[in-house]
C-alpha atoms as a PDB file:
ATOM      1  CA  UNK A   1      37.340 -13.654  26.802  1.00  0.00           C
ATOM      2  CA  UNK A   2      34.541 -10.494  26.764  1.00  0.00           C
ATOM      3  CA  UNK A   3      31.498 -11.592  24.748  1.00  0.00           C
ATOM      4  CA  UNK A   4      31.387  -8.391  23.362  1.00  0.00           C
ATOM      5  CA  UNK A   5      34.719  -9.010  21.878  1.00  0.00           C
ATOM      6  CA  UNK A   6      34.611 -12.548  20.523  1.00  0.00           C
ATOM      7  CA  UNK A   7      30.996 -11.515  18.834  1.00  0.00           C
ATOM      8  CA  UNK A   8      33.975  -8.483  17.244  1.00  0.00           C
ATOM      9  CA  UNK A   9      35.911 -11.140  16.618  1.00  0.00           C
ATOM     10  CA  UNK A  10      33.567 -13.422  15.162  1.00  0.00           C
ATOM     11  CA  UNK A  11      32.515 -10.250  12.811  1.00  0.00           C
ATOM     12  CA  UNK A  12      35.790  -9.978  11.337  1.00  0.00           C
ATOM     13  CA  UNK A  13      36.033 -13.167  10.836  1.00  0.00           C
ATOM     14  CA  UNK A  14      33.265 -13.286   8.842  1.00  0.00           C
ATOM     15  CA  UNK A  15      33.840 -10.270   7.119  1.00  0.00           C
ATOM     16  CA  UNK A  16      37.425 -11.545   5.725  1.00  0.00           C
ATOM     17  CA  UNK A  17      35.910 -14.497   4.981  1.00  0.00           C
ATOM     18  CA  UNK A  18      34.122 -12.179   1.974  1.00  0.00           C
ATOM     19  CA  UNK A  19      37.338 -11.052   1.126  1.00  0.00           C
ATOM     20  CA  UNK A  20      38.942 -14.197   0.856  1.00  0.00           C
ATOM     21  CA  UNK A  21      35.893 -16.193  -1.525  1.00  0.00           C
ATOM     22  CA  UNK A  22      35.825 -14.484  -4.662  1.00  0.00           C
ATOM     23  CA  UNK A  23      31.867 -15.699  -5.191  1.00  0.00           C
ATOM     24  CA  UNK A  24      30.859 -14.354  -1.693  1.00  0.00           C
ATOM     25  CA  UNK A  25      32.877 -10.984  -2.905  1.00  0.00           C
ATOM     26  CA  UNK A  26      30.952 -10.698  -6.137  1.00  0.00           C
ATOM     27  CA  UNK A  27      27.536 -11.326  -4.615  1.00  0.00           C
ATOM     28  CA  UNK A  28      27.733  -8.315  -2.973  1.00  0.00           C
ATOM     29  CA  UNK A  29      29.441  -6.320  -5.387  1.00  0.00           C
ATOM     30  CA  UNK A  30      26.087  -7.142  -7.331  1.00  0.00           C
ATOM     31  CA  UNK A  31      23.964  -4.929  -5.278  1.00  0.00           C
ATOM     32  CA  UNK A  32      25.858  -1.594  -5.765  1.00  0.00           C
ATOM     33  CA  UNK A  33      26.408  -2.286  -9.172  1.00  0.00           C
ATOM     34  CA  UNK A  34      22.639  -3.304 -10.132  1.00  0.00           C
ATOM     35  CA  UNK A  35      21.651   0.097  -8.920  1.00  0.00           C
ATOM     36  CA  UNK A  36      24.158   2.120 -10.680  1.00  0.00           C
ATOM     37  CA  UNK A  37      23.274   0.331 -13.781  1.00  0.00           C
ATOM     38  CA  UNK A  38      19.771   1.663 -13.347  1.00  0.00           C
ATOM     39  CA  UNK A  39      20.756   5.242 -12.942  1.00  0.00           C
ATOM     40  CA  UNK A  40      23.047   5.465 -15.901  1.00  0.00           C
ATOM     41  CA  UNK A  41      20.055   3.499 -17.663  1.00  0.00           C
ATOM     42  CA  UNK A  42      17.170   5.634 -16.773  1.00  0.00           C
ATOM     43  CA  UNK A  43      19.286   8.642 -17.006  1.00  0.00           C
ATOM     44  CA  UNK A  44      20.612   8.386 -19.964  1.00  0.00           C
ATOM     45  CA  UNK A  45      24.226   7.892 -19.404  1.00  0.00           C
ATOM     46  CA  UNK A  46      24.146  11.864 -18.755  1.00  0.00           C
ATOM     47  CA  UNK A  47      23.836  13.827 -15.396  1.00  0.00           C
ATOM     48  CA  UNK A  48      20.823  14.882 -13.823  1.00  0.00           C
ATOM     49  CA  UNK A  49      17.962  14.882 -11.549  1.00  0.00           C
ATOM     50  CA  UNK A  50      17.178  11.529 -12.839  1.00  0.00           C
ATOM     51  CA  UNK A  51      20.706  10.286 -11.436  1.00  0.00           C
ATOM     52  CA  UNK A  52      20.446  11.592  -8.106  1.00  0.00           C
ATOM     53  CA  UNK A  53      16.493  10.172  -7.645  1.00  0.00           C
ATOM     54  CA  UNK A  54      18.037   6.722  -8.944  1.00  0.00           C
ATOM     55  CA  UNK A  55      20.445   6.909  -7.207  1.00  0.00           C
ATOM     56  CA  UNK A  56      18.955   8.049  -3.984  1.00  0.00           C
ATOM     57  CA  UNK A  57      15.952   4.919  -4.271  1.00  0.00           C
ATOM     58  CA  UNK A  58      19.443   2.971  -4.941  1.00  0.00           C
ATOM     59  CA  UNK A  59      20.873   3.379  -1.618  1.00  0.00           C
ATOM     60  CA  UNK A  60      17.190   3.156  -0.015  1.00  0.00           C
ATOM     61  CA  UNK A  61      16.551   0.013  -1.656  1.00  0.00           C
ATOM     62  CA  UNK A  62      19.673  -1.488  -0.453  1.00  0.00           C
ATOM     63  CA  UNK A  63      19.094  -1.206   2.887  1.00  0.00           C
ATOM     64  CA  UNK A  64      15.761  -2.463   2.809  1.00  0.00           C
ATOM     65  CA  UNK A  65      16.957  -5.608   0.912  1.00  0.00           C
ATOM     66  CA  UNK A  66      19.635  -6.253   3.078  1.00  0.00           C
ATOM     67  CA  UNK A  67      17.895  -6.354   6.169  1.00  0.00           C
ATOM     68  CA  UNK A  68      14.196  -8.059   5.176  1.00  0.00           C
ATOM     69  CA  UNK A  69      15.978 -10.575   2.663  1.00  0.00           C
ATOM     70  CA  UNK A  70      19.645 -11.303   3.404  1.00  0.00           C
ATOM     71  CA  UNK A  71      19.357 -11.257   6.776  1.00  0.00           C
ATOM     72  CA  UNK A  72      16.559 -13.654   7.385  1.00  0.00           C
ATOM     73  CA  UNK A  73      18.930 -16.254   4.866  1.00  0.00           C
ATOM     74  CA  UNK A  74      21.663 -15.405   7.241  1.00  0.00           C
ATOM     75  CA  UNK A  75      19.521 -17.042  10.332  1.00  0.00           C
ATOM     76  CA  UNK A  76      17.932 -19.798   7.534  1.00  0.00           C
ATOM     77  CA  UNK A  77      21.287 -21.047   7.396  1.00  0.00           C
ATOM     78  CA  UNK A  78      22.651 -20.983  10.575  1.00  0.00           C
ATOM     79  CA  UNK A  79      19.307 -22.920  11.485  1.00  0.00           C
ATOM     80  CA  UNK A  80      19.531 -25.403   8.588  1.00  0.00           C
ATOM     81  CA  UNK A  81      23.231 -26.395   9.678  1.00  0.00           C
ATOM     82  CA  UNK A  82      23.312 -26.545  13.415  1.00  0.00           C
ATOM     83  CA  UNK A  83      24.971 -23.220  14.333  1.00  0.00           C
ATOM     84  CA  UNK A  84      22.522 -21.583  16.483  1.00  0.00           C
ATOM     85  CA  UNK A  85      21.887 -25.466  18.182  1.00  0.00           C
ATOM     86  CA  UNK A  86      25.635 -25.356  19.366  1.00  0.00           C
ATOM     87  CA  UNK A  87      26.195 -22.066  20.374  1.00  0.00           C
ATOM     88  CA  UNK A  88      23.327 -22.079  22.596  1.00  0.00           C
ATOM     89  CA  UNK A  89      25.526 -24.537  24.548  1.00  0.00           C
ATOM     90  CA  UNK A  90      28.122 -22.082  24.933  1.00  0.00           C
ATOM     91  CA  UNK A  91      27.961 -19.928  27.647  1.00  0.00           C
ATOM     92  CA  UNK A  92      27.656 -16.118  26.093  1.00  0.00           C
ATOM     93  CA  UNK A  93      27.998 -17.879  22.449  1.00  0.00           C
ATOM     94  CA  UNK A  94      24.148 -16.708  21.321  1.00  0.00           C
ATOM     95  CA  UNK A  95      25.316 -12.898  22.218  1.00  0.00           C
ATOM     96  CA  UNK A  96      28.531 -12.663  20.788  1.00  0.00           C
ATOM     97  CA  UNK A  97      27.145 -14.355  17.656  1.00  0.00           C
ATOM     98  CA  UNK A  98      24.319 -11.505  17.501  1.00  0.00           C
ATOM     99  CA  UNK A  99      27.240  -8.656  18.118  1.00  0.00           C
ATOM    100  CA  UNK A 100      29.436 -10.759  15.077  1.00  0.00           C
ATOM    101  CA  UNK A 101      25.920 -10.965  12.992  1.00  0.00           C
ATOM    102  CA  UNK A 102      25.852  -6.864  13.727  1.00  0.00           C
ATOM    103  CA  UNK A 103      29.402  -6.039  12.581  1.00  0.00           C
ATOM    104  CA  UNK A 104      28.598  -7.806   9.584  1.00  0.00           C
ATOM    105  CA  UNK A 105      25.753  -6.622   8.286  1.00  0.00           C
ATOM    106  CA  UNK A 106      26.805  -2.534   9.359  1.00  0.00           C
ATOM    107  CA  UNK A 107      30.239  -3.174   7.459  1.00  0.00           C
ATOM    108  CA  UNK A 108      27.983  -4.574   4.589  1.00  0.00           C
ATOM    109  CA  UNK A 109      25.690  -1.821   4.172  1.00  0.00           C
ATOM    110  CA  UNK A 110      27.324   0.998   4.915  1.00  0.00           C
ATOM    111  CA  UNK A 111      30.221  -0.379   2.178  1.00  0.00           C
ATOM    112  CA  UNK A 112      27.373  -0.632  -0.206  1.00  0.00           C
ATOM    113  CA  UNK A 113      26.709   2.478   0.856  1.00  0.00           C
ATOM    114  CA  UNK A 114      29.809   4.340  -0.117  1.00  0.00           C
ATOM    115  CA  UNK A 115      30.203   2.282  -3.343  1.00  0.00           C
ATOM    116  CA  UNK A 116      26.959   3.839  -4.848  1.00  0.00           C
ATOM    117  CA  UNK A 117      27.521   7.615  -3.905  1.00  0.00           C
ATOM    118  CA  UNK A 118      31.729   7.086  -4.960  1.00  0.00           C
ATOM    119  CA  UNK A 119      30.912   4.847  -7.890  1.00  0.00           C
ATOM    120  CA  UNK A 120      27.591   7.463  -8.965  1.00  0.00           C
ATOM    121  CA  UNK A 121      30.024  10.555  -8.236  1.00  0.00           C
ATOM    122  CA  UNK A 122      32.896   8.755 -10.344  1.00  0.00           C
ATOM    123  CA  UNK A 123      30.811   6.793 -13.302  1.00  0.00           C
ATOM    124  CA  UNK A 124      27.456   8.729 -13.656  1.00  0.00           C
ATOM    125  CA  UNK A 125      28.686  12.184 -12.510  1.00  0.00           C
ATOM    126  CA  UNK A 126      26.198  12.213  -9.643  1.00  0.00           C
ATOM    127  CA  UNK A 127      26.377  15.582  -7.258  1.00  0.00           C
ATOM    128  CA  UNK A 128      27.565  14.248  -3.449  1.00  0.00           C
ATOM    129  CA  UNK A 129      25.671  16.086  -0.420  1.00  0.00           C
ATOM    130  CA  UNK A 130      26.013  19.909  -0.795  1.00  0.00           C
ATOM    131  CA  UNK A 131      27.200  21.024   2.448  1.00  0.00           C
ATOM    132  CA  UNK A 132      27.804  20.108   6.425  1.00  0.00           C
ATOM    133  CA  UNK A 133      23.424  19.607   6.683  1.00  0.00           C
ATOM    134  CA  UNK A 134      23.279  17.166   4.149  1.00  0.00           C
ATOM    135  CA  UNK A 135      25.611  14.859   5.021  1.00  0.00           C
ATOM    136  CA  UNK A 136      24.957  14.794   8.817  1.00  0.00           C
ATOM    137  CA  UNK A 137      20.444  14.472   6.917  1.00  0.00           C
ATOM    138  CA  UNK A 138      22.250  11.558   5.075  1.00  0.00           C
ATOM    139  CA  UNK A 139      23.985   9.982   8.350  1.00  0.00           C
ATOM    140  CA  UNK A 140      21.644   9.569  10.164  1.00  0.00           C
ATOM    141  CA  UNK A 141      18.870   8.717   7.927  1.00  0.00           C
ATOM    142  CA  UNK A 142      21.945   5.508   7.425  1.00  0.00           C
ATOM    143  CA  UNK A 143      21.904   4.858  10.235  1.00  0.00           C
ATOM    144  CA  UNK A 144      18.251   4.847  11.676  1.00  0.00           C
ATOM    145  CA  UNK A 145      17.219   2.933   8.349  1.00  0.00           C
ATOM    146  CA  UNK A 146      19.343  -0.033   9.339  1.00  0.00           C
ATOM    147  CA  UNK A 147      18.600  -0.214  12.697  1.00  0.00           C
ATOM    148  CA  UNK A 148      14.593  -0.033  12.037  1.00  0.00           C
ATOM    149  CA  UNK A 149      15.106  -2.494   9.637  1.00  0.00           C
ATOM    150  CA  UNK A 150      17.758  -5.395  10.550  1.00  0.00           C
ATOM    151  CA  UNK A 151      16.259  -5.742  13.692  1.00  0.00           C
ATOM    152  CA  UNK A 152      12.540  -6.982  11.749  1.00  0.00           C
ATOM    153  CA  UNK A 153      14.632  -8.858   9.369  1.00  0.00           C
ATOM    154  CA  UNK A 154      16.111 -11.005  11.802  1.00  0.00           C
ATOM    155  CA  UNK A 155      12.741 -11.210  13.439  1.00  0.00           C
ATOM    156  CA  UNK A 156      10.958 -12.600   9.991  1.00  0.00           C
ATOM    157  CA  UNK A 157      13.622 -15.117   9.872  1.00  0.00           C
ATOM    158  CA  UNK A 158      13.743 -16.235  13.932  1.00  0.00           C
ATOM    159  CA  UNK A 159       9.321 -16.627  12.663  1.00  0.00           C
ATOM    160  CA  UNK A 160       9.828 -18.280   8.918  1.00  0.00           C
ATOM    161  CA  UNK A 161      10.180 -21.608   8.742  1.00  0.00           C
ATOM    162  CA  UNK A 162      12.380 -22.871   6.687  1.00  0.00           C
ATOM    163  CA  UNK A 163      14.497 -20.777   3.602  1.00  0.00           C
ATOM    164  CA  UNK A 164      12.526 -22.035   0.837  1.00  0.00           C
ATOM    165  CA  UNK A 165       8.945 -21.280   2.300  1.00  0.00           C
ATOM    166  CA  UNK A 166       9.936 -17.982   3.792  1.00  0.00           C
ATOM    167  CA  UNK A 167      11.359 -17.016   0.196  1.00  0.00           C
ATOM    168  CA  UNK A 168       7.848 -17.869  -1.799  1.00  0.00           C
ATOM    169  CA  UNK A 169       6.195 -16.306   1.629  1.00  0.00           C
ATOM    170  CA  UNK A 170       7.840 -12.561   1.529  1.00  0.00           C
ATOM    171  CA  UNK A 171       9.472 -11.740  -1.264  1.00  0.00           C
ATOM    172  CA  UNK A 172       6.753 -10.809  -3.483  1.00  0.00           C
ATOM    173  CA  UNK A 173       5.720  -8.655  -0.891  1.00  0.00           C
ATOM    174  CA  UNK A 174       8.764  -6.972  -0.174  1.00  0.00           C
ATOM    175  CA  UNK A 175       9.467  -6.196  -3.911  1.00  0.00           C
ATOM    176  CA  UNK A 176       5.611  -4.727  -4.224  1.00  0.00           C
ATOM    177  CA  UNK A 177       6.699  -2.654  -1.373  1.00  0.00           C
ATOM    178  CA  UNK A 178      10.096  -1.065  -2.995  1.00  0.00           C
ATOM    179  CA  UNK A 179       7.576  -0.753  -5.715  1.00  0.00           C
ATOM    180  CA  UNK A 180       4.421   1.802  -3.834  1.00  0.00           C
ATOM    181  CA  UNK A 181       7.555   3.342  -1.979  1.00  0.00           C
ATOM    182  CA  UNK A 182       8.371   5.799  -4.315  1.00  0.00           C
ATOM    183  CA  UNK A 183      12.057   4.415  -4.106  1.00  0.00           C
ATOM    184  CA  UNK A 184      12.299   4.771  -8.008  1.00  0.00           C
ATOM    185  CA  UNK A 185       9.187   6.436  -9.108  1.00  0.00           C
ATOM    186  CA  UNK A 186       6.924   9.696  -7.445  1.00  0.00           C
ATOM    187  CA  UNK A 187       5.480   8.667  -4.390  1.00  0.00           C
ATOM    188  CA  UNK A 188       2.580  12.294  -4.950  1.00  0.00           C
ATOM    189  CA  UNK A 189       1.860   9.947  -8.501  1.00  0.00           C
ATOM    190  CA  UNK A 190       0.197   6.882  -6.802  1.00  0.00           C
ATOM    191  CA  UNK A 191      -3.425   7.102  -4.942  1.00  0.00           C
ATOM    192  CA  UNK A 192      -3.690   8.585  -1.874  1.00  0.00           C
ATOM    193  CA  UNK A 193      -4.747   4.917  -0.032  1.00  0.00           C
ATOM    194  CA  UNK A 194      -1.909   3.844  -1.572  1.00  0.00           C
ATOM    195  CA  UNK A 195       0.555   6.573   0.173  1.00  0.00           C
ATOM    196  CA  UNK A 196      -0.699   6.135   3.072  1.00  0.00           C
ATOM    197  CA  UNK A 197       0.069   2.474   2.988  1.00  0.00           C
ATOM    198  CA  UNK A 198       3.491   2.956   1.893  1.00  0.00           C
ATOM    199  CA  UNK A 199       3.725   5.576   4.297  1.00  0.00           C
ATOM    200  CA  UNK A 200       3.679   2.684   7.396  1.00  0.00           C
ATOM    201  CA  UNK A 201       6.601   1.583   6.552  1.00  0.00           C
ATOM    202  CA  UNK A 202       9.624   2.630   6.815  1.00  0.00           C
ATOM    203  CA  UNK A 203      11.458   2.104   3.367  1.00  0.00           C
ATOM    204  CA  UNK A 204       9.221   5.457   1.857  1.00  0.00           C
ATOM    205  CA  UNK A 205      11.027   7.783   4.832  1.00  0.00           C
ATOM    206  CA  UNK A 206      14.376   6.148   4.165  1.00  0.00           C
ATOM    207  CA  UNK A 207      14.329   6.944   0.647  1.00  0.00           C
ATOM    208  CA  UNK A 208      12.785  10.082   1.293  1.00  0.00           C
ATOM    209  CA  UNK A 209      15.427  11.211   3.583  1.00  0.00           C
ATOM    210  CA  UNK A 210      18.370  10.361   1.271  1.00  0.00           C
ATOM    211  CA  UNK A 211      16.551  12.013  -1.751  1.00  0.00           C
ATOM    212  CA  UNK A 212      16.679  15.405   0.767  1.00  0.00           C
ATOM    213  CA  UNK A 213      20.761  14.754   1.027  1.00  0.00           C
ATOM    214  CA  UNK A 214      21.281  14.378  -2.091  1.00  0.00           C
ATOM    215  CA  UNK A 215      18.738  16.424  -3.874  1.00  0.00           C
ATOM    216  CA  UNK A 216      18.022  20.595  -3.700  1.00  0.00           C
ATOM    217  CA  UNK A 217      15.780  21.702  -1.600  1.00  0.00           C
ATOM    218  CA  UNK A 218      13.791  22.991  -4.346  1.00  0.00           C
ATOM    219  CA  UNK A 219      13.348  19.053  -5.194  1.00  0.00           C
ATOM    220  CA  UNK A 220      11.019  19.050  -2.008  1.00  0.00           C
ATOM    221  CA  UNK A 221       8.155  20.298  -4.611  1.00  0.00           C
ATOM    222  CA  UNK A 222       8.137  16.395  -5.854  1.00  0.00           C
ATOM    223  CA  UNK A 223       7.232  15.143  -2.552  1.00  0.00           C
ATOM    224  CA  UNK A 224       3.567  14.639  -1.398  1.00  0.00           C
ATOM    225  CA  UNK A 225       3.485  17.250   0.477  1.00  0.00           C
ATOM    226  CA  UNK A 226       6.074  19.651  -0.556  1.00  0.00           C
ATOM    227  CA  UNK A 227       8.297  19.236   2.046  1.00  0.00           C
ATOM    228  CA  UNK A 228      11.136  16.356   3.262  1.00  0.00           C
ATOM    229  CA  UNK A 229       9.083  15.581   6.601  1.00  0.00           C
ATOM    230  CA  UNK A 230      11.951  14.940   8.716  1.00  0.00           C
ATOM    231  CA  UNK A 231      10.395  15.425  12.098  1.00  0.00           C
ATOM    232  CA  UNK A 232       7.779  13.068  10.950  1.00  0.00           C
ATOM    233  CA  UNK A 233      10.361  10.144   9.209  1.00  0.00           C
ATOM    234  CA  UNK A 234      12.138  10.719  12.853  1.00  0.00           C
ATOM    235  CA  UNK A 235       9.587   9.683  14.012  1.00  0.00           C
ATOM    236  CA  UNK A 236       8.520   6.231  11.961  1.00  0.00           C
ATOM    237  CA  UNK A 237      11.642   5.225  11.500  1.00  0.00           C
ATOM    238  CA  UNK A 238      12.554   5.454  16.349  1.00  0.00           C
ATOM    239  CA  UNK A 239       8.969   3.973  16.103  1.00  0.00           C
ATOM    240  CA  UNK A 240      10.572   0.318  13.958  1.00  0.00           C
ATOM    241  CA  UNK A 241      13.201   1.191  15.702  1.00  0.00           C
ATOM    242  CA  UNK A 242      11.681   0.429  18.667  1.00  0.00           C
ATOM    243  CA  UNK A 243      10.039  -2.283  17.800  1.00  0.00           C
ATOM    244  CA  UNK A 244      12.153  -4.176  16.382  1.00  0.00           C
ATOM    245  CA  UNK A 245      14.643  -4.154  19.311  1.00  0.00           C
ATOM    246  CA  UNK A 246      11.504  -5.606  21.078  1.00  0.00           C
ATOM    247  CA  UNK A 247      10.135  -8.143  19.226  1.00  0.00           C
ATOM    248  CA  UNK A 248      13.920  -9.136  17.299  1.00  0.00           C
ATOM    249  CA  UNK A 249      15.484 -10.846  21.010  1.00  0.00           C
ATOM    250  CA  UNK A 250      12.448 -12.525  21.941  1.00  0.00           C
ATOM    251  CA  UNK A 251      12.263 -14.310  18.485  1.00  0.00           C
ATOM    252  CA  UNK A 252      15.051 -15.282  18.886  1.00  0.00           C
ATOM    253  CA  UNK A 253      15.102 -16.484  21.856  1.00  0.00           C
ATOM    254  CA  UNK A 254      12.313 -18.673  21.017  1.00  0.00           C
ATOM    255  CA  UNK A 255      13.440 -19.596  18.001  1.00  0.00           C
ATOM    256  CA  UNK A 256      16.763 -20.912  19.515  1.00  0.00           C
ATOM    257  CA  UNK A 257      14.740 -22.661  22.489  1.00  0.00           C
ATOM    258  CA  UNK A 258      12.654 -25.298  20.284  1.00  0.00           C
ATOM    259  CA  UNK A 259      16.004 -26.096  18.500  1.00  0.00           C
ATOM    260  CA  UNK A 260      17.165 -29.675  19.342  1.00  0.00           C
ATOM    261  CA  UNK A 261      19.624 -32.374  17.910  1.00  0.00           C
ATOM    262  CA  UNK A 262      16.174 -34.025  17.143  1.00  0.00           C
ATOM    263  CA  UNK A 263      14.845 -31.225  14.842  1.00  0.00           C
ATOM    264  CA  UNK A 264      17.880 -30.776  13.139  1.00  0.00           C
ATOM    265  CA  UNK A 265      17.991 -34.603  12.472  1.00  0.00           C
ATOM    266  CA  UNK A 266      14.637 -34.721  10.697  1.00  0.00           C
ATOM    267  CA  UNK A 267      15.914 -31.309   8.683  1.00  0.00           C
ATOM    268  CA  UNK A 268      18.464 -33.191   7.612  1.00  0.00           C
ATOM    269  CA  UNK A 269      16.552 -36.097   6.445  1.00  0.00           C
ATOM    270  CA  UNK A 270      13.661 -34.540   4.764  1.00  0.00           C
ATOM    271  CA  UNK A 271      16.511 -32.806   2.830  1.00  0.00           C
ATOM    272  CA  UNK A 272      18.482 -35.941   1.739  1.00  0.00           C
ATOM    273  CA  UNK A 273      15.118 -37.191   0.879  1.00  0.00           C
ATOM    274  CA  UNK A 274      14.137 -34.217  -1.388  1.00  0.00           C
ATOM    275  CA  UNK A 275      17.951 -34.968  -2.978  1.00  0.00           C
ATOM    276  CA  UNK A 276      16.890 -37.827  -3.664  1.00  0.00           C
ATOM    277  CA  UNK A 277      14.320 -37.760  -5.748  1.00  0.00           C
END
């Protein structure tokens, strides 16, 4: 069968498994529910600009967290249980695996974004994009944001050695970056050097792009430059997309080439030894 079709079938199977596994289903719903709860709390239960701002930050943060935290966990799990090692011996196996994961990630992120938008409108009275232009902006920002963040998460998962070590290594920097990127608080209130630092990374631009699709033009005054900066936004996200798609395949190939039955056995023995203690 065609490798691409096999990958799509693999991704569809993983998506069906979520619907059939109550624990996983609730886990994936928890992130949109969390950000809706934060939006309700910050707005005091009343519709207004704070609801829109927090909802925009929730959409951007969901994309960012899924790409840089959940995607590496997929790779850790599949490496630890020998899935990647088995696929390496199957012609087209790795390609089908990547296609399946891409479908799985894309559907999960799009469903989360839709749940945030619909939940915000129904539960919090938040406004949806007001016209075709804002809908187009929302779509290209979300898709470009996903394309910028997910490959980098894949590269991180391919480089870091083990799930527990990786979690300790990168969870604090990721949370710190969320704090300084203006997803939930005005970026202009931060020192200029922090604004410049945040502007290097995609979260600042994803959050600003989502705000530009949900808020009126008068809200541009809250941005550091007093404008939505769609052109710089497009440029920075495009650079991250290119960087991710260059690094991720190479690092994945290097990671899978180093996998062997002896390495898998050593990891299993270490895991059993830790469990025994």
